[in-house]
PDB file of all heavy atoms in Angstrom:
ATOM      1  N   ILE A   1      -3.467   3.482   5.832  1.00  0.00           N
ATOM      2  CA  ILE A   1      -4.004   4.185   4.668  1.00  0.00           C
ATOM      3  C   ILE A   1      -3.319   3.687   3.404  1.00  0.00           C
ATOM      4  O   ILE A   1      -2.093   3.617   3.332  1.00  0.00           O
ATOM      5  CB  ILE A   1      -3.787   5.704   4.813  1.00  0.00           C
ATOM      6  CG1 ILE A   1      -4.478   6.222   6.081  1.00  0.00           C
ATOM      7  CG2 ILE A   1      -4.310   6.438   3.585  1.00  0.00           C
ATOM      8  CD1 ILE A   1      -4.025   7.597   6.500  1.00  0.00           C
ATOM      9  N   LYS A   2      -4.120   3.339   2.391  1.00  0.00           N
ATOM     10  CA  LYS A   2      -3.588   2.912   1.108  1.00  0.00           C
ATOM     11  C   LYS A   2      -4.224   3.739  -0.004  1.00  0.00           C
ATOM     12  O   LYS A   2      -5.310   4.298   0.169  1.00  0.00           O
ATOM     13  CB  LYS A   2      -3.867   1.423   0.872  1.00  0.00           C
ATOM     14  CG  LYS A   2      -3.104   0.499   1.811  1.00  0.00           C
ATOM     15  CD  LYS A   2      -3.331  -0.967   1.439  1.00  0.00           C
ATOM     16  CE  LYS A   2      -2.519  -1.887   2.341  1.00  0.00           C
ATOM     17  NZ  LYS A   2      -2.727  -3.324   1.984  1.00  0.00           N
ATOM     18  N   GLN A   3      -3.551   3.799  -1.131  1.00  0.00           N
ATOM     19  CA  GLN A   3      -4.092   4.484  -2.309  1.00  0.00           C
ATOM     20  C   GLN A   3      -4.482   3.456  -3.354  1.00  0.00           C
ATOM     21  O   GLN A   3      -3.637   2.714  -3.862  1.00  0.00           O
ATOM     22  CB  GLN A   3      -3.092   5.484  -2.887  1.00  0.00           C
ATOM     23  CG  GLN A   3      -3.689   6.362  -3.986  1.00  0.00           C
ATOM     24  CD  GLN A   3      -2.745   7.463  -4.433  1.00  0.00           C
ATOM     25  OE1 GLN A   3      -1.538   7.355  -4.276  1.00  0.00           O
ATOM     26  NE2 GLN A   3      -3.304   8.529  -4.996  1.00  0.00           N
ATOM     27  N   LEU A   4      -5.768   3.403  -3.669  1.00  0.00           N
ATOM     28  CA  LEU A   4      -6.302   2.450  -4.629  1.00  0.00           C
ATOM     29  C   LEU A   4      -6.351   3.053  -6.028  1.00  0.00           C
ATOM     30  O   LEU A   4      -6.192   4.266  -6.220  1.00  0.00           O
ATOM     31  CB  LEU A   4      -7.703   2.013  -4.202  1.00  0.00           C
ATOM     32  CG  LEU A   4      -7.876   1.507  -2.766  1.00  0.00           C
ATOM     33  CD1 LEU A   4      -9.334   1.165  -2.518  1.00  0.00           C
ATOM     34  CD2 LEU A   4      -6.970   0.316  -2.486  1.00  0.00           C
ATOM     35  N   PHE A   5      -6.625   2.219  -7.006  1.00  0.00           N
ATOM     36  CA  PHE A   5      -6.823   2.684  -8.374  1.00  0.00           C
ATOM     37  C   PHE A   5      -8.033   3.612  -8.445  1.00  0.00           C
ATOM     38  O   PHE A   5      -9.066   3.369  -7.812  1.00  0.00           O
ATOM     39  CB  PHE A   5      -7.040   1.487  -9.304  1.00  0.00           C
ATOM     40  CG  PHE A   5      -7.492   1.870 -10.682  1.00  0.00           C
ATOM     41  CD1 PHE A   5      -6.584   2.298 -11.636  1.00  0.00           C
ATOM     42  CD2 PHE A   5      -8.841   1.817 -11.021  1.00  0.00           C
ATOM     43  CE1 PHE A   5      -6.998   2.663 -12.908  1.00  0.00           C
ATOM     44  CE2 PHE A   5      -9.277   2.176 -12.288  1.00  0.00           C
ATOM     45  CZ  PHE A   5      -8.346   2.605 -13.236  1.00  0.00           C
ATOM     46  N   SER A   6      -7.919   4.674  -9.227  1.00  0.00           N
ATOM     47  CA  SER A   6      -9.053   5.573  -9.477  1.00  0.00           C
ATOM     48  C   SER A   6      -8.715   6.438 -10.681  1.00  0.00           C
ATOM     49  O   SER A   6      -7.577   6.454 -11.148  1.00  0.00           O
ATOM     50  CB  SER A   6      -9.343   6.452  -8.252  1.00  0.00           C
ATOM     51  OG  SER A   6      -8.236   7.297  -7.983  1.00  0.00           O
ATOM     52  N   LYS A   7      -9.713   7.170 -11.161  1.00  0.00           N
ATOM     53  CA  LYS A   7      -9.515   8.033 -12.323  1.00  0.00           C
ATOM     54  C   LYS A   7     -10.028   9.439 -12.040  1.00  0.00           C
ATOM     55  O   LYS A   7     -11.093   9.625 -11.423  1.00  0.00           O
ATOM     56  CB  LYS A   7     -10.259   7.472 -13.536  1.00  0.00           C
ATOM     57  CG  LYS A   7      -9.549   6.322 -14.227  1.00  0.00           C
ATOM     58  CD  LYS A   7      -8.415   6.840 -15.101  1.00  0.00           C
ATOM     59  CE  LYS A   7      -7.861   5.712 -15.965  1.00  0.00           C
ATOM     60  NZ  LYS A   7      -6.800   6.197 -16.876  1.00  0.00           N
ATOM     61  N   LEU A   8      -9.273  10.435 -12.527  1.00  0.00           N
ATOM     62  CA  LEU A   8      -9.705  11.822 -12.457  1.00  0.00           C
ATOM     63  C   LEU A   8     -10.627  12.148 -13.638  1.00  0.00           C
ATOM     64  O   LEU A   8     -10.575  11.476 -14.668  1.00  0.00           O
ATOM     65  CB  LEU A   8      -8.497  12.752 -12.520  1.00  0.00           C
ATOM     66  CG  LEU A   8      -7.445  12.672 -11.407  1.00  0.00           C
ATOM     67  CD1 LEU A   8      -6.329  13.667 -11.692  1.00  0.00           C
ATOM     68  CD2 LEU A   8      -8.065  12.917 -10.044  1.00  0.00           C
ATOM     69  N   PRO A   9     -11.440  13.208 -13.505  1.00  0.00           N
ATOM     70  CA  PRO A   9     -12.140  13.718 -14.694  1.00  0.00           C
ATOM     71  C   PRO A   9     -11.109  14.198 -15.724  1.00  0.00           C
ATOM     72  O   PRO A   9     -10.004  14.605 -15.357  1.00  0.00           O
ATOM     73  CB  PRO A   9     -12.956  14.900 -14.136  1.00  0.00           C
ATOM     74  CG  PRO A   9     -12.959  14.731 -12.659  1.00  0.00           C
ATOM     75  CD  PRO A   9     -11.736  13.982 -12.287  1.00  0.00           C
ATOM     76  N   LYS A  10     -11.469  14.185 -16.989  1.00  0.00           N
ATOM     77  CA  LYS A  10     -10.504  14.519 -18.041  1.00  0.00           C
ATOM     78  C   LYS A  10      -9.919  15.927 -17.903  1.00  0.00           C
ATOM     79  O   LYS A  10      -8.753  16.153 -18.248  1.00  0.00           O
ATOM     80  CB  LYS A  10     -11.169  14.378 -19.424  1.00  0.00           C
ATOM     81  CG  LYS A  10     -11.353  12.944 -19.888  1.00  0.00           C
ATOM     82  CD  LYS A  10     -11.799  12.906 -21.338  1.00  0.00           C
ATOM     83  CE  LYS A  10     -11.926  11.459 -21.846  1.00  0.00           C
ATOM     84  NZ  LYS A  10     -13.061  10.744 -21.227  1.00  0.00           N
ATOM     85  N   HIS A  11     -10.705  16.876 -17.379  1.00  0.00           N
ATOM     86  CA  HIS A  11     -10.204  18.247 -17.317  1.00  0.00           C
ATOM     87  C   HIS A  11      -9.411  18.539 -16.045  1.00  0.00           C
ATOM     88  O   HIS A  11      -8.863  19.631 -15.906  1.00  0.00           O
ATOM     89  CB  HIS A  11     -11.356  19.242 -17.453  1.00  0.00           C
ATOM     90  CG  HIS A  11     -12.342  19.211 -16.333  1.00  0.00           C
ATOM     91  ND1 HIS A  11     -13.200  18.152 -16.124  1.00  0.00           N
ATOM     92  CD2 HIS A  11     -12.609  20.101 -15.351  1.00  0.00           C
ATOM     93  CE1 HIS A  11     -13.965  18.398 -15.068  1.00  0.00           C
ATOM     94  NE2 HIS A  11     -13.623  19.570 -14.576  1.00  0.00           N
ATOM     95  N   TRP A  12      -9.346  17.588 -15.120  1.00  0.00           N
ATOM     96  CA  TRP A  12      -8.481  17.771 -13.954  1.00  0.00           C
ATOM     97  C   TRP A  12      -7.068  17.327 -14.333  1.00  0.00           C
ATOM     98  O   TRP A  12      -6.856  16.179 -14.737  1.00  0.00           O
ATOM     99  CB  TRP A  12      -8.973  16.940 -12.768  1.00  0.00           C
ATOM    100  CG  TRP A  12     -10.206  17.470 -12.105  1.00  0.00           C
ATOM    101  CD1 TRP A  12     -11.122  18.331 -12.618  1.00  0.00           C
ATOM    102  CD2 TRP A  12     -10.664  17.131 -10.793  1.00  0.00           C
ATOM    103  NE1 TRP A  12     -12.135  18.559 -11.719  1.00  0.00           N
ATOM    104  CE2 TRP A  12     -11.877  17.848 -10.577  1.00  0.00           C
ATOM    105  CE3 TRP A  12     -10.190  16.307  -9.773  1.00  0.00           C
ATOM    106  CZ2 TRP A  12     -12.612  17.750  -9.397  1.00  0.00           C
ATOM    107  CZ3 TRP A  12     -10.907  16.205  -8.595  1.00  0.00           C
ATOM    108  CH2 TRP A  12     -12.099  16.930  -8.403  1.00  0.00           C
ATOM    109  N   LYS A  13      -6.107  18.204 -14.168  1.00  0.00           N
ATOM    110  CA  LYS A  13      -4.730  17.873 -14.513  1.00  0.00           C
ATOM    111  C   LYS A  13      -4.032  17.116 -13.391  1.00  0.00           C
ATOM    112  O   LYS A  13      -3.246  16.201 -13.642  1.00  0.00           O
ATOM    113  CB  LYS A  13      -3.957  19.152 -14.841  1.00  0.00           C
ATOM    114  CG  LYS A  13      -4.525  19.928 -16.017  1.00  0.00           C
ATOM    115  CD  LYS A  13      -3.779  21.229 -16.224  1.00  0.00           C
ATOM    116  CE  LYS A  13      -4.389  22.037 -17.372  1.00  0.00           C
ATOM    117  NZ  LYS A  13      -3.694  23.351 -17.536  1.00  0.00           N
ATOM    118  N   LYS A  14      -4.313  17.516 -12.162  1.00  0.00           N
ATOM    119  CA  LYS A  14      -3.593  16.932 -11.031  1.00  0.00           C
ATOM    120  C   LYS A  14      -4.392  17.158  -9.759  1.00  0.00           C
ATOM    121  O   LYS A  14      -5.010  18.203  -9.569  1.00  0.00           O
ATOM    122  CB  LYS A  14      -2.208  17.587 -10.909  1.00  0.00           C
ATOM    123  CG  LYS A  14      -1.311  17.019  -9.827  1.00  0.00           C
ATOM    124  CD  LYS A  14       0.032  17.763  -9.838  1.00  0.00           C
ATOM    125  CE  LYS A  14       0.977  17.263  -8.766  1.00  0.00           C
ATOM    126  NZ  LYS A  14       2.263  18.012  -8.769  1.00  0.00           N
ATOM    127  N   LEU A  15      -4.381  16.149  -8.884  1.00  0.00           N
ATOM    128  CA  LEU A  15      -5.029  16.243  -7.579  1.00  0.00           C
ATOM    129  C   LEU A  15      -3.988  15.909  -6.509  1.00  0.00           C
ATOM    130  O   LEU A  15      -3.334  14.868  -6.574  1.00  0.00           O
ATOM    131  CB  LEU A  15      -6.202  15.260  -7.495  1.00  0.00           C
ATOM    132  CG  LEU A  15      -6.882  15.081  -6.130  1.00  0.00           C
ATOM    133  CD1 LEU A  15      -7.492  16.397  -5.646  1.00  0.00           C
ATOM    134  CD2 LEU A  15      -7.948  13.989  -6.214  1.00  0.00           C
ATOM    135  N   THR A  16      -3.829  16.815  -5.539  1.00  0.00           N
ATOM    136  CA  THR A  16      -2.844  16.636  -4.472  1.00  0.00           C
ATOM    137  C   THR A  16      -3.539  16.734  -3.123  1.00  0.00           C
ATOM    138  O   THR A  16      -4.255  17.707  -2.867  1.00  0.00           O
ATOM    139  CB  THR A  16      -1.735  17.700  -4.547  1.00  0.00           C
ATOM    140  OG1 THR A  16      -1.130  17.675  -5.847  1.00  0.00           O
ATOM    141  CG2 THR A  16      -0.667  17.448  -3.486  1.00  0.00           C
ATOM    142  N   ILE A  17      -3.352  15.745  -2.276  1.00  0.00           N
ATOM    143  CA  ILE A  17      -3.880  15.764  -0.906  1.00  0.00           C
ATOM    144  C   ILE A  17      -2.684  15.786   0.039  1.00  0.00           C
ATOM    145  O   ILE A  17      -1.833  14.886  -0.010  1.00  0.00           O
ATOM    146  CB  ILE A  17      -4.731  14.515  -0.608  1.00  0.00           C
ATOM    147  CG1 ILE A  17      -5.657  14.230  -1.783  1.00  0.00           C
ATOM    148  CG2 ILE A  17      -5.449  14.664   0.711  1.00  0.00           C
ATOM    149  CD1 ILE A  17      -7.065  14.552  -1.650  1.00  0.00           C
ATOM    150  N   THR A  18      -2.605  16.795   0.891  1.00  0.00           N
ATOM    151  CA  THR A  18      -1.470  16.942   1.806  1.00  0.00           C
ATOM    152  C   THR A  18      -1.906  16.716   3.245  1.00  0.00           C
ATOM    153  O   THR A  18      -3.080  16.841   3.588  1.00  0.00           O
ATOM    154  CB  THR A  18      -0.848  18.344   1.685  1.00  0.00           C
ATOM    155  OG1 THR A  18      -1.824  19.329   2.079  1.00  0.00           O
ATOM    156  CG2 THR A  18      -0.392  18.619   0.262  1.00  0.00           C
ATOM    157  N   GLY A  19      -0.924  16.381   4.086  1.00  0.00           N
ATOM    158  CA  GLY A  19      -1.179  16.253   5.521  1.00  0.00           C
ATOM    159  C   GLY A  19      -2.003  15.047   5.899  1.00  0.00           C
ATOM    160  O   GLY A  19      -2.752  15.077   6.873  1.00  0.00           O
ATOM    161  N   VAL A  20      -1.865  13.948   5.163  1.00  0.00           N
ATOM    162  CA  VAL A  20      -2.701  12.768   5.393  1.00  0.00           C
ATOM    163  C   VAL A  20      -2.075  11.871   6.464  1.00  0.00           C
ATOM    164  O   VAL A  20      -0.899  11.499   6.368  1.00  0.00           O
ATOM    165  CB  VAL A  20      -2.891  11.968   4.096  1.00  0.00           C
ATOM    166  CG1 VAL A  20      -3.688  10.700   4.361  1.00  0.00           C
ATOM    167  CG2 VAL A  20      -3.579  12.826   3.036  1.00  0.00           C
ATOM    168  N   GLY A  21      -2.891  11.519   7.466  1.00  0.00           N
ATOM    169  CA  GLY A  21      -2.456  10.587   8.494  1.00  0.00           C
ATOM    170  C   GLY A  21      -1.478  11.191   9.484  1.00  0.00           C
ATOM    171  O   GLY A  21      -1.067  12.359   9.348  1.00  0.00           O
ATOM    172  N   PRO A  22      -1.080  10.435  10.492  1.00  0.00           N
ATOM    173  CA  PRO A  22      -0.163  10.944  11.520  1.00  0.00           C
ATOM    174  C   PRO A  22       1.181  11.396  10.961  1.00  0.00           C
ATOM    175  O   PRO A  22       1.828  12.275  11.527  1.00  0.00           O
ATOM    176  CB  PRO A  22       0.011   9.745  12.461  1.00  0.00           C
ATOM    177  CG  PRO A  22      -1.197   8.896  12.236  1.00  0.00           C
ATOM    178  CD  PRO A  22      -1.540   9.067  10.792  1.00  0.00           C
ATOM    179  N   ASP A  23       1.610  10.811   9.835  1.00  0.00           N
ATOM    180  CA  ASP A  23       2.898  11.176   9.236  1.00  0.00           C
ATOM    181  C   ASP A  23       2.790  12.331   8.258  1.00  0.00           C
ATOM    182  O   ASP A  23       3.789  12.711   7.625  1.00  0.00           O
ATOM    183  CB  ASP A  23       3.504   9.963   8.520  1.00  0.00           C
ATOM    184  CG  ASP A  23       3.812   8.826   9.479  1.00  0.00           C
ATOM    185  OD1 ASP A  23       4.108   9.110  10.653  1.00  0.00           O
ATOM    186  OD2 ASP A  23       3.732   7.658   9.056  1.00  0.00           O
ATOM    187  N   ARG A  24       1.604  12.893   8.114  1.00  0.00           N
ATOM    188  CA  ARG A  24       1.381  14.054   7.234  1.00  0.00           C
ATOM    189  C   ARG A  24       1.883  13.796   5.813  1.00  0.00           C
ATOM    190  O   ARG A  24       2.593  14.610   5.216  1.00  0.00           O
ATOM    191  CB  ARG A  24       2.057  15.305   7.811  1.00  0.00           C
ATOM    192  CG  ARG A  24       1.490  15.790   9.129  1.00  0.00           C
ATOM    193  CD  ARG A  24       0.113  16.379   8.914  1.00  0.00           C
ATOM    194  NE  ARG A  24      -0.416  17.033  10.109  1.00  0.00           N
ATOM    195  CZ  ARG A  24      -1.620  17.583  10.178  1.00  0.00           C
ATOM    196  NH1 ARG A  24      -2.414  17.552   9.118  1.00  0.00           N
ATOM    197  NH2 ARG A  24      -2.048  18.155  11.279  1.00  0.00           N
ATOM    198  N   LYS A  25       1.495  12.673   5.256  1.00  0.00           N
ATOM    199  CA  LYS A  25       1.943  12.310   3.922  1.00  0.00           C
ATOM    200  C   LYS A  25       1.193  13.088   2.844  1.00  0.00           C
ATOM    201  O   LYS A  25       0.106  13.611   3.078  1.00  0.00           O
ATOM    202  CB  LYS A  25       1.759  10.808   3.694  1.00  0.00           C
ATOM    203  CG  LYS A  25       2.696   9.935   4.516  1.00  0.00           C
ATOM    204  CD  LYS A  25       2.507   8.464   4.155  1.00  0.00           C
ATOM    205  CE  LYS A  25       3.473   7.584   4.934  1.00  0.00           C
ATOM    206  NZ  LYS A  25       3.292   6.139   4.599  1.00  0.00           N
ATOM    207  N   THR A  26       1.784  13.137   1.675  1.00  0.00           N
ATOM    208  CA  THR A  26       1.167  13.747   0.503  1.00  0.00           C
ATOM    209  C   THR A  26       0.851  12.655  -0.520  1.00  0.00           C
ATOM    210  O   THR A  26       1.698  11.798  -0.803  1.00  0.00           O
ATOM    211  CB  THR A  26       2.096  14.796  -0.130  1.00  0.00           C
ATOM    212  OG1 THR A  26       2.293  15.871   0.790  1.00  0.00           O
ATOM    213  CG2 THR A  26       1.508  15.345  -1.428  1.00  0.00           C
ATOM    214  N   TYR A  27      -0.370  12.676  -1.056  1.00  0.00           N
ATOM    215  CA  TYR A  27      -0.781  11.731  -2.090  1.00  0.00           C
ATOM    216  C   TYR A  27      -1.165  12.522  -3.342  1.00  0.00           C
ATOM    217  O   TYR A  27      -1.805  13.581  -3.252  1.00  0.00           O
ATOM    218  CB  TYR A  27      -1.969  10.900  -1.635  1.00  0.00           C
ATOM    219  CG  TYR A  27      -1.635   9.905  -0.540  1.00  0.00           C
ATOM    220  CD1 TYR A  27      -1.660  10.268   0.809  1.00  0.00           C
ATOM    221  CD2 TYR A  27      -1.278   8.590  -0.857  1.00  0.00           C
ATOM    222  CE1 TYR A  27      -1.349   9.371   1.815  1.00  0.00           C
ATOM    223  CE2 TYR A  27      -0.972   7.669   0.136  1.00  0.00           C
ATOM    224  CZ  TYR A  27      -1.013   8.077   1.459  1.00  0.00           C
ATOM    225  OH  TYR A  27      -0.705   7.177   2.451  1.00  0.00           O
ATOM    226  N   VAL A  28      -0.793  11.987  -4.488  1.00  0.00           N
ATOM    227  CA  VAL A  28      -1.022  12.680  -5.753  1.00  0.00           C
ATOM    228  C   VAL A  28      -1.698  11.731  -6.734  1.00  0.00           C
ATOM    229  O   VAL A  28      -1.381  10.540  -6.792  1.00  0.00           O
ATOM    230  CB  VAL A  28       0.311  13.196  -6.356  1.00  0.00           C
ATOM    231  CG1 VAL A  28       0.067  13.821  -7.717  1.00  0.00           C
ATOM    232  CG2 VAL A  28       0.977  14.189  -5.416  1.00  0.00           C
ATOM    233  N   ARG A  29      -2.635  12.264  -7.509  1.00  0.00           N
ATOM    234  CA  ARG A  29      -3.212  11.538  -8.635  1.00  0.00           C
ATOM    235  C   ARG A  29      -3.076  12.434  -9.861  1.00  0.00           C
ATOM    236  O   ARG A  29      -3.564  13.583  -9.867  1.00  0.00           O
ATOM    237  CB  ARG A  29      -4.676  11.206  -8.382  1.00  0.00           C
ATOM    238  CG  ARG A  29      -5.356  10.445  -9.497  1.00  0.00           C
ATOM    239  CD  ARG A  29      -4.889   8.997  -9.566  1.00  0.00           C
ATOM    240  NE  ARG A  29      -5.463   8.195  -8.494  1.00  0.00           N
ATOM    241  CZ  ARG A  29      -4.935   7.050  -8.067  1.00  0.00           C
ATOM    242  NH1 ARG A  29      -3.826   6.592  -8.594  1.00  0.00           N
ATOM    243  NH2 ARG A  29      -5.515   6.368  -7.088  1.00  0.00           N
ATOM    244  N   MET A  30      -2.399  11.940 -10.883  1.00  0.00           N
ATOM    245  CA  MET A  30      -2.159  12.715 -12.104  1.00  0.00           C
ATOM    246  C   MET A  30      -3.111  12.269 -13.214  1.00  0.00           C
ATOM    247  O   MET A  30      -3.524  11.112 -13.269  1.00  0.00           O
ATOM    248  CB  MET A  30      -0.721  12.511 -12.593  1.00  0.00           C
ATOM    249  CG  MET A  30       0.357  12.943 -11.606  1.00  0.00           C
ATOM    250  SD  MET A  30       0.511  14.727 -11.467  1.00  0.00           S
ATOM    251  CE  MET A  30       1.123  15.115 -13.103  1.00  0.00           C
ATOM    252  N   GLN A  31      -3.413  13.193 -14.104  1.00  0.00           N
ATOM    253  CA  GLN A  31      -4.181  12.840 -15.298  1.00  0.00           C
ATOM    254  C   GLN A  31      -3.272  12.079 -16.243  1.00  0.00           C
ATOM    255  O   GLN A  31      -2.130  12.464 -16.487  1.00  0.00           O
ATOM    256  CB  GLN A  31      -4.701  14.107 -15.980  1.00  0.00           C
ATOM    257  CG  GLN A  31      -5.589  13.852 -17.165  1.00  0.00           C
ATOM    258  CD  GLN A  31      -6.838  13.061 -16.798  1.00  0.00           C
ATOM    259  OE1 GLN A  31      -6.879  11.841 -16.947  1.00  0.00           O
ATOM    260  NE2 GLN A  31      -7.843  13.761 -16.303  1.00  0.00           N
TER     261      GLN A  31
END
């Protein structure tokens, strides 16, 4: 699993995905 470039909508401050993959990693995308 890799995290690629992307953009949030302007009114989203932060997006957090938890429990990803067998290692239960957390991925974050900030505005």
